[in-house]
Amino acid sequence: MNRSSTTAQAFDIANGLITNRKLLRSIWWRWLGPTSVLVVGSVFLILALVPQPLPAIFVQLCGLAAVVSPAEAPFLTENNTAMSKMMADMAIRPTGDVDLDFVEMMVPHHQAAIDMAQGLLRYGHNERLRRMAQEIIVTQQQEIAAMRLALGERLPRSVASPDQPDAATPSRAFLTSQQ
């Protein structure tokens, strides 16, 4: 093979690729491009209109509902609710006071961590994670209180965690031992 025939073959291959590229580009712009824009746009429209937490929607849209076990569903529902509430509560109208705005956004963030940790205590089984969840609840509550106090706000009345007996009413065992 001489040099000119090799060059000619290279040009033929290049022209074939260019033709194929043009064909592919034409297919993309005529059919696949508009179709993908329509599909992606439809997904975002559905996500904007449906009042469910986003992860649950993605599970349904992707056909992954069978992946979520019935035992895990209540935890995921509570977790998604905590996340949605946090995001809504963090969307504040700025006041012009950076410190106040910071606290107003951080309190829902910390409360979501508390809510998620309580969900783990209700449904989780790993003892190390359960201990961590208990620590998260305590530390996040302390940080919320510290932020409120730093702004000079009064703290709300303490209440028991929903996963523990009501602290306002002593247990019968405690009452009988004290009488």
Protein backbone atom coordinates (compact mmCIF):
# COMPACT_ATOMS: atom_id res chain seq x y z
CA MET A 1 0.00 0.00 0.00
CA ASN A 2 1.37 3.36 -0.92
CA ARG A 3 1.06 6.49 1.10
CA SER A 4 -1.68 8.01 -1.03
CA SER A 5 -3.95 4.96 -0.72
CA THR A 6 -3.45 4.94 3.07
CA THR A 7 -4.33 8.60 3.18
CA ALA A 8 -7.35 7.98 0.98
CA GLN A 9 -8.51 5.19 3.31
CA ALA A 10 -8.06 7.48 6.30
CA PHE A 11 -10.15 10.13 4.56
CA ASP A 12 -12.82 7.55 3.74
CA ILE A 13 -12.94 6.44 7.38
CA ALA A 14 -13.04 10.06 8.56
CA ASN A 15 -15.80 10.89 6.07
CA GLY A 16 -17.74 7.84 7.26
CA LEU A 17 -17.39 8.97 10.85
CA ILE A 18 -18.41 12.49 9.95
CA THR A 19 -21.41 11.19 8.05
CA ASN A 20 -22.33 8.94 10.96
CA ARG A 21 -21.81 11.82 13.37
CA LYS A 22 -24.09 14.01 11.24
CA LEU A 23 -26.67 11.24 11.17
CA LEU A 24 -26.46 10.78 14.91
CA ARG A 25 -26.64 14.52 15.47
CA SER A 26 -29.67 14.74 13.22
CA ILE A 27 -31.38 11.86 15.06
CA TRP A 28 -30.59 13.49 18.40
CA TRP A 29 -31.92 16.93 17.47
CA ARG A 30 -34.98 15.65 15.65
CA TRP A 31 -36.08 12.88 18.00
CA LEU A 32 -34.04 12.11 21.09
CA GLY A 33 -33.27 15.67 22.16
CA PRO A 34 -36.87 16.91 22.24
CA THR A 35 -38.03 13.62 23.73
CA SER A 36 -35.48 13.74 26.55
CA VAL A 37 -36.34 17.38 27.26
CA LEU A 38 -40.01 16.41 27.39
CA VAL A 39 -39.35 13.46 29.72
CA VAL A 40 -37.03 15.39 32.06
CA GLY A 41 -39.39 18.37 32.05
CA SER A 42 -42.33 16.11 32.88
CA VAL A 43 -40.45 14.58 35.80
CA PHE A 44 -39.65 18.02 37.23
CA LEU A 45 -43.25 19.14 36.73
CA ILE A 46 -44.49 16.08 38.61
CA LEU A 47 -41.98 16.71 41.40
CA ALA A 48 -43.14 20.31 41.68
CA LEU A 49 -46.85 19.45 41.79
CA VAL A 50 -46.99 16.36 43.97
CA PRO A 51 -46.97 17.19 47.71
CA GLN A 52 -44.94 14.14 48.74
CA PRO A 53 -41.38 14.24 50.02
CA LEU A 54 -38.95 13.98 47.11
CA PRO A 55 -37.23 10.70 47.93
CA ALA A 56 -40.57 8.88 48.07
CA ILE A 57 -41.47 10.29 44.68
CA PHE A 58 -38.16 9.22 43.18
CA VAL A 59 -38.70 5.71 44.55
CA GLN A 60 -42.12 5.57 42.89
CA LEU A 61 -40.97 7.09 39.60
CA CYS A 62 -37.97 4.83 39.31
CA GLY A 63 -40.00 1.72 40.10
CA LEU A 64 -38.00 1.05 43.24
CA ALA A 65 -41.00 0.67 45.55
CA ALA A 66 -40.28 -3.07 45.77
CA VAL A 67 -36.80 -2.26 47.12
CA VAL A 68 -38.24 -0.55 50.22
CA SER A 69 -39.25 -3.14 52.76
CA PRO A 70 -42.56 -2.72 54.58
CA ALA A 71 -40.61 -2.58 57.85
CA GLU A 72 -38.54 0.36 56.56
CA ALA A 73 -41.43 2.34 55.06
CA PRO A 74 -42.55 4.04 58.32
CA PHE A 75 -38.98 5.16 59.04
CA LEU A 76 -38.55 6.53 55.52
CA THR A 77 -41.88 8.33 55.71
CA GLU A 78 -40.97 9.98 59.03
CA ASN A 79 -37.50 10.82 57.75
CA ASN A 80 -38.89 12.39 54.56
CA THR A 81 -41.42 14.37 56.61
CA ALA A 82 -38.65 15.68 58.88
CA MET A 83 -36.55 16.70 55.87
CA SER A 84 -39.47 18.42 54.11
CA LYS A 85 -40.45 20.31 57.27
CA MET A 86 -36.83 21.36 57.79
CA MET A 87 -36.50 22.70 54.25
CA ALA A 88 -39.79 24.61 54.52
CA ASP A 89 -38.92 26.05 57.95
CA MET A 90 -35.43 27.09 56.84
CA ALA A 91 -36.87 29.25 54.04
CA ILE A 92 -37.06 32.43 56.08
CA ARG A 93 -37.54 36.03 55.07
CA PRO A 94 -34.29 37.83 55.98
CA THR A 95 -34.73 40.37 58.76
CA GLY A 96 -31.49 42.28 58.30
CA ASP A 97 -30.18 40.79 61.54
CA VAL A 98 -27.62 38.14 60.56
CA ASP A 99 -27.59 36.59 64.02
CA LEU A 100 -31.36 36.23 64.20
CA ASP A 101 -31.56 34.90 60.64
CA PHE A 102 -28.82 32.36 61.39
CA VAL A 103 -30.68 31.04 64.44
CA GLU A 104 -34.00 30.99 62.60
CA MET A 105 -32.45 28.76 59.94
CA MET A 106 -30.35 26.59 62.25
CA VAL A 107 -33.12 25.70 64.69
CA PRO A 108 -35.16 23.81 62.04
CA HIS A 109 -31.94 22.14 60.88
CA HIS A 110 -31.19 20.94 64.41
CA GLN A 111 -34.84 19.96 64.99
CA ALA A 112 -34.74 17.80 61.85
CA ALA A 113 -31.68 16.01 63.24
CA ILE A 114 -33.62 15.39 66.45
CA ASP A 115 -36.67 14.11 64.55
CA MET A 116 -34.54 11.80 62.40
CA ALA A 117 -32.70 10.47 65.46
CA GLN A 118 -36.03 9.78 67.16
CA GLY A 119 -37.09 7.85 64.07
CA LEU A 120 -33.95 5.74 64.34
CA LEU A 121 -34.74 5.05 67.99
CA ARG A 122 -38.25 3.92 67.03
CA TYR A 123 -37.26 1.71 64.11
CA GLY A 124 -33.51 1.05 64.23
CA HIS A 125 -31.81 -1.99 65.73
CA ASN A 126 -28.08 -1.22 65.69
CA GLU A 127 -27.14 -0.41 69.29
CA ARG A 128 -24.19 1.78 68.35
CA LEU A 129 -26.38 3.87 66.08
CA ARG A 130 -29.11 4.03 68.70
CA ARG A 131 -26.60 5.42 71.23
CA MET A 132 -25.44 7.94 68.65
CA ALA A 133 -29.06 8.93 67.99
CA GLN A 134 -29.56 9.53 71.72
CA GLU A 135 -26.44 11.72 71.77
CA ILE A 136 -27.66 13.62 68.71
CA ILE A 137 -30.97 14.35 70.42
CA VAL A 138 -29.26 15.68 73.54
CA THR A 139 -26.59 17.74 71.78
CA GLN A 140 -28.95 19.24 69.21
CA GLN A 141 -31.40 20.23 71.95
CA GLN A 142 -28.54 21.84 73.86
CA GLU A 143 -27.39 23.73 70.77
CA ILE A 144 -30.92 24.99 70.06
CA ALA A 145 -31.16 26.22 73.65
CA ALA A 146 -27.70 27.86 73.47
CA MET A 147 -28.61 29.70 70.25
CA ARG A 148 -31.91 30.92 71.70
CA LEU A 149 -30.18 32.09 74.88
CA ALA A 150 -27.48 33.87 72.86
CA LEU A 151 -30.24 35.96 71.29
CA GLY A 152 -31.74 36.68 74.72
CA GLU A 153 -34.84 34.59 74.05
CA ARG A 154 -36.60 32.69 76.78
CA LEU A 155 -36.50 28.93 76.47
CA PRO A 156 -39.73 27.01 75.98
CA ARG A 157 -40.86 24.67 78.74
CA SER A 158 -39.06 21.32 78.64
CA VAL A 159 -41.01 18.33 77.40
CA ALA A 160 -40.17 14.65 77.35
CA SER A 161 -39.05 13.01 74.16
CA PRO A 162 -41.93 11.08 72.56
CA ASP A 163 -39.85 7.90 72.85
CA GLN A 164 -39.68 8.12 76.63
CA PRO A 165 -42.26 8.18 79.43
CA ASP A 166 -43.81 11.55 80.05
CA ALA A 167 -41.48 13.37 82.44
CA ALA A 168 -44.35 15.46 83.85
CA THR A 169 -46.07 12.40 85.34
CA PRO A 170 -43.82 10.21 87.48
CA SER A 171 -44.17 6.48 87.00
CA ARG A 172 -46.23 4.44 89.45
CA ALA A 173 -43.13 2.56 90.55
CA PHE A 174 -41.52 5.86 91.55
CA LEU A 175 -44.65 7.03 93.40
CA THR A 176 -45.04 3.79 95.37
CA SER A 177 -41.39 3.73 96.36
CA GLN A 178 -41.56 7.32 97.62
CA GLN A 179 -44.76 6.90 99.71
